Protein backbone atom coordinates (compact mmCIF):
# COMPACT_ATOMS: atom_id res chain seq x y z
CA MET A 1 164.69 98.25 151.72
CA ALA A 2 164.41 94.38 151.53
CA ILE A 3 164.10 92.28 154.89
CA CYS A 4 165.01 88.79 154.14
CA TYR A 5 164.60 85.78 156.63
CA SER A 6 167.16 83.05 156.67
CA ARG A 7 166.23 79.87 158.56
CA ILE A 8 169.28 78.36 160.32
CA GLY A 9 168.35 74.72 161.30
CA THR A 10 169.73 71.68 162.98
CA ASN A 11 170.94 70.22 159.84
CA ILE A 12 172.92 73.33 158.51
CA GLU A 13 176.72 73.27 158.89
CA LEU A 14 178.05 76.75 159.86
CA ALA A 15 181.56 77.87 160.03
CA ALA A 16 184.02 75.93 162.44
CA ASN A 17 181.41 73.06 162.24
CA HIS A 18 178.77 74.53 164.77
CA TYR A 19 175.36 73.11 164.49
CA ILE A 20 172.65 75.14 166.26
CA VAL A 21 168.92 74.83 167.12
CA GLY A 22 166.88 76.38 164.35
CA TYR A 23 166.21 80.10 164.40
CA TYR A 24 165.74 82.98 162.09
CA LEU A 25 168.21 85.47 160.92
CA GLN A 26 166.71 88.58 159.56
CA ILE A 27 168.72 90.57 156.92
CA ILE A 28 168.15 94.12 156.05
CA ASN A 29 169.79 95.01 152.69
CA PRO A 30 170.11 97.82 152.14
CA THR A 31 169.70 99.34 155.63
CA PRO A 32 167.97 102.65 155.29
CA LEU A 33 170.67 105.42 155.77
CA HIS A 34 170.17 109.18 155.89
CA LEU A 35 173.60 111.13 156.20
CA ASP A 36 172.85 114.52 157.48
CA PRO A 37 175.60 117.23 156.31
CA GLU A 38 175.16 119.41 159.37
CA GLU A 39 175.41 116.47 161.89
CA LEU A 40 178.40 115.10 160.24
CA LEU A 41 180.17 118.52 160.43
CA GLN A 42 179.37 119.06 164.16
CA ASP A 43 182.90 118.14 165.36
CA ILE A 44 184.75 119.86 162.50
CA ARG A 45 185.12 123.56 163.04
CA GLN A 46 187.69 124.51 160.39
CA PRO A 47 185.98 125.90 157.11
CA LYS A 48 188.63 124.29 154.92
CA LEU A 49 187.95 120.84 156.36
CA GLU A 50 184.15 121.35 156.17
CA GLU A 51 184.52 122.08 152.29
CA GLU A 52 186.67 119.22 151.76
CA MET A 53 184.36 116.78 153.59
CA LEU A 54 181.30 118.16 151.74
CA ALA A 55 182.98 117.73 148.43
CA LEU A 56 183.73 114.16 149.30
CA LEU A 57 180.21 113.29 150.44
CA PRO A 58 178.57 112.58 147.25
CA THR A 59 181.31 110.04 146.15
CA ALA A 60 181.16 108.56 149.77
CA LYS A 61 177.27 108.12 149.32
CA LEU A 62 177.82 106.13 146.27
CA LEU A 63 180.37 103.80 147.99
CA ILE A 64 178.31 103.04 151.11
CA GLU A 65 176.55 99.71 151.08
CA PRO A 66 174.62 99.51 154.40
CA LYS A 67 173.55 95.95 155.42
CA ALA A 68 172.57 94.27 158.69
CA VAL A 69 171.78 91.03 159.90
CA TYR A 70 170.09 90.36 163.30
CA THR A 71 168.25 87.77 165.22
CA LYS A 72 166.07 87.75 168.44
CA MET A 73 166.80 85.11 171.14
CA LYS A 74 165.54 84.18 174.70
CA VAL A 75 167.82 84.09 177.67
CA THR A 76 167.14 80.62 179.24
CA SER A 77 169.50 80.73 182.25
CA ILE A 78 172.00 82.97 183.98
CA GLU A 79 174.87 81.78 186.08
CA ASN A 80 177.11 84.49 187.15
CA ASP A 81 178.44 85.93 183.96
CA ARG A 82 177.38 83.23 181.73
CA ILE A 83 174.12 83.88 179.78
CA GLN A 84 172.68 80.65 178.14
CA LEU A 85 170.36 81.41 175.08
CA GLU A 86 167.63 79.23 173.67
CA ASN A 87 169.42 78.58 170.32
CA GLY A 88 172.18 76.61 172.08
CA HIS A 89 174.76 79.26 172.36
CA ALA A 90 175.94 81.23 175.37
CA LEU A 91 177.57 84.70 175.97
CA SER A 92 179.88 85.68 178.77
CA SER A 93 179.70 89.09 180.14
CA VAL A 94 179.72 90.75 183.61
CA VAL A 95 177.17 93.41 182.81
CA LEU A 96 174.93 91.14 180.97
CA GLY A 97 174.84 88.63 183.73
CA ASP A 98 173.98 91.45 186.00
CA LEU A 99 171.42 93.31 184.06
CA LEU A 100 169.56 90.55 182.25
CA GLU A 101 166.82 88.33 183.49
CA ARG A 102 166.03 84.75 182.73
CA GLY A 103 163.21 84.60 180.14
CA GLN A 104 163.80 87.91 178.56
CA GLU A 105 164.45 88.32 174.78
CA ILE A 106 167.66 89.91 173.53
CA LEU A 107 168.64 90.88 170.08
CA ALA A 108 172.09 90.52 168.51
CA TYR A 109 173.22 92.17 165.16
CA VAL A 110 175.98 93.06 162.89
CA VAL A 111 175.89 96.06 160.58
CA THR A 112 178.28 97.05 157.97
CA VAL A 113 178.60 99.88 155.44
CA GLY A 114 180.86 97.85 153.22
CA SER A 115 184.50 98.16 152.13
CA GLY A 116 184.06 100.92 149.47
CA LEU A 117 185.08 103.74 151.45
CA GLU A 118 188.19 102.00 152.79
CA GLU A 119 189.21 101.11 149.23
CA GLU A 120 188.58 104.61 148.07
CA ALA A 121 190.50 106.11 150.96
CA LYS A 122 193.63 104.25 149.82
CA GLN A 123 193.59 106.19 146.57
CA LYS A 124 193.46 109.49 148.30
CA ASN A 125 195.86 111.89 150.08
CA LEU A 126 196.15 111.83 153.88
CA LEU A 127 193.61 114.50 154.54
CA GLN A 128 190.99 113.00 152.26
CA SER A 129 191.57 109.48 153.69
CA PHE A 130 190.96 110.96 157.27
CA LEU A 131 187.80 112.67 156.07
CA LEU A 132 186.39 109.54 154.47
CA ASP A 133 187.22 107.59 157.62
CA ARG A 134 185.04 110.19 159.47
CA ILE A 135 182.29 109.74 156.93
CA GLY A 136 182.62 105.96 157.35
CA ASN A 137 182.40 106.13 161.13
CA TYR A 138 179.30 108.48 160.91
CA ALA A 139 177.65 106.11 158.41
CA VAL A 140 178.01 103.17 160.81
CA TYR A 141 176.58 105.22 163.68
CA LYS A 142 173.44 106.11 161.51
CA ALA A 143 173.07 102.53 160.45
CA CYS A 144 173.08 101.49 164.01
CA ALA A 145 170.76 103.92 165.12
CA TYR A 146 168.39 102.83 162.40
CA ILE A 147 168.61 99.15 163.69
CA LYS A 148 168.03 100.25 167.13
CA SER A 149 164.89 102.21 166.13
CA HIS A 150 163.70 99.23 164.01
CA VAL A 151 163.97 96.75 166.81
CA ALA A 152 163.00 99.04 169.75
CA SER A 153 159.27 97.89 169.42
CA MET A 154 160.27 94.28 169.72
CA LEU A 155 161.81 94.84 173.13
CA GLU A 156 160.13 96.26 176.15
CA ASN A 157 161.32 99.08 178.46
CA ILE A 158 164.43 100.96 177.99
CA VAL A 159 166.84 99.40 175.27
CA SER A 160 170.49 99.24 176.27
CA GLU A 161 173.46 98.47 173.91
CA PHE A 162 176.10 96.07 174.71
CA SER A 163 179.18 95.88 172.34
CA PRO A 164 182.00 93.27 172.64
CA GLY A 165 185.26 95.09 173.60
CA SER A 166 183.62 98.36 174.27
CA GLY A 167 185.19 100.62 177.00
CA THR A 168 187.99 98.70 178.63
CA GLY A 169 186.64 95.34 177.53
CA GLU A 170 186.39 94.13 180.99
CA LEU A 171 182.47 93.99 181.19
CA PHE A 172 181.96 92.47 177.71
CA ALA A 173 185.28 91.05 176.24
CA ILE A 174 186.19 91.36 172.67
CA GLU A 175 186.47 87.54 172.67
CA GLN A 176 182.58 87.50 172.77
CA GLN A 177 182.73 88.43 169.10
CA GLU A 178 183.25 84.77 168.42
CA PRO A 179 179.91 83.42 169.82
CA LEU A 180 178.08 86.43 168.21
CA PHE A 181 179.55 85.60 164.88
CA ARG A 182 178.51 81.95 165.27
CA ILE A 183 174.96 82.87 166.04
CA LEU A 184 174.69 85.46 163.18
CA ASN A 185 177.10 84.09 160.62
CA PRO A 186 177.49 87.52 159.06
CA LYS A 187 180.07 86.52 156.63
CA MET A 188 177.41 84.42 154.66
CA SER A 189 174.60 87.00 155.10
CA ILE A 190 176.35 90.43 154.75
CA GLY A 191 180.00 89.75 153.93
CA VAL A 192 181.42 90.67 157.43
CA SER A 193 184.14 88.19 158.88
CA LEU A 194 186.55 88.31 161.85
CA SER A 195 190.21 88.69 161.74
CA SER A 196 192.55 86.70 163.92
CA SER A 197 192.69 89.51 166.18
CA LEU A 198 188.86 89.58 166.37
CA MET A 199 188.56 92.74 164.41
CA MET A 200 185.69 92.93 162.00
CA ILE A 201 186.24 92.98 158.17
CA PRO A 202 185.04 95.29 156.50
CA ARG A 203 186.39 97.60 159.27
CA LYS A 204 183.35 99.94 159.12
CA SER A 205 181.30 97.42 160.68
CA GLU A 206 179.82 97.15 164.29
CA SER A 207 178.29 94.27 166.46
CA ASP A 208 175.97 94.67 169.36
CA VAL A 209 173.56 93.04 171.58
CA PHE A 210 170.31 94.94 172.27
CA ALA A 211 168.38 94.32 175.48
CA ALA A 212 165.74 95.86 177.55
CA THR A 213 166.88 97.21 180.96
CA LYS A 214 165.34 99.12 183.84
CA GLU A 215 167.90 101.97 183.32
CA GLU A 216 169.93 102.62 180.22
CA TYR A 217 173.47 101.06 180.20
CA VAL A 218 176.11 103.18 178.39
CA SER A 219 179.53 101.86 178.56
CA CYS A 220 181.24 105.17 178.25
CA GLU A 221 180.07 105.85 181.83
CA HIS A 222 182.40 103.14 183.11
CA CYS A 223 185.36 103.67 180.70
CA PRO A 224 188.10 106.25 181.90
CA ARG A 225 189.64 106.34 178.34
CA LYS A 226 189.65 109.64 176.46
CA CYS A 227 188.01 109.36 172.93
CA GLU A 228 186.12 111.52 170.49
CA SER A 229 183.20 109.16 170.53
CA ARG A 230 182.40 109.23 174.15
CA ARG A 231 178.59 109.43 174.61
CA ALA A 232 178.52 110.06 178.38
CA PRO A 233 180.74 111.39 181.24
CA TYR A 234 182.85 108.84 183.19
CA LYS A 235 181.16 107.88 186.52
CA GLY A 236 183.54 105.25 187.73
CA ALA A 237 184.11 101.53 187.54
CA TYR A 238 180.80 99.58 186.87
CA LEU A 239 180.82 97.35 189.99
CA TYR A 240 181.61 100.31 192.26
CA THR A 241 178.86 102.53 190.80
CA ARG A 242 176.50 99.53 190.78
CA PHE A 243 177.11 98.04 194.20
CA GLY A 244 179.01 100.77 195.96
C-alpha cells in the first residue's frame, strides 16, 4: 500500500479554473482490499449462481484496481444548510448543517475499484455481467469500509457517513458531487470523473463525507425506497424524526 501526499496550493489551477487555499490530498494506491467469498455470497441462495460467482471471482480480483483520495478539512462556519470549509470551499446539506459544529474536522473522499470489471462485463453473457456487477458493488463496499477504518482514529466520537444523492437526495443533494470533486480533484489523482448527470466514471466508485457525530447518522433510516443495499429500517422523514 502506498500513501501519497499531494499538495494543492494557491498557485495550482484545477479543473474549471478553481483556485483554492493550500491543503493536502492523501492518495492510497492500492487501497487494501479483502474479498470474503462467504460474505459476498450472503444474498445469493441459489447454488448455481454461487458456483458461477465463485468461478468469476479469481478473474475479478485481477481486474479490480482499488484507489482512494481523501483530505481532512475544518468547518469554519455554518449558516443553515451551508457549511463553509477552511480551504475556501463550501458544501450545502440539510443534514450536515444540522449535525456538524463549527470548528470540527470532517473528511471527504472518493474511492474506486477502476473500470476493469465494467469492461469485462461487456464481454460476458447476461448472468455473468450481473454477477460481475455484484462483485464490483461488494468491492466498492469493502474499499469504503477500509477507508472508514483507516480514518476513524483521526475523528473523535462516532463516525457517520454522508454521501451526495443518498436516500431521496433531499438531505445531501447529488449536486454536491461538484464541490466535492473540486476539493478532491479525483480525476487527476485516481482517475475518477463526473458525467454531465453527476454520475461517477468509472461507475464502481463512491464519494462520501465522514464526520464525528453524537449519534450515528444512517441515510437509509430516512429513505422510504426499497433497495437491496438498505443498511437500516426506515424510521421516517429526517426532520420529523429529528424534531418531531
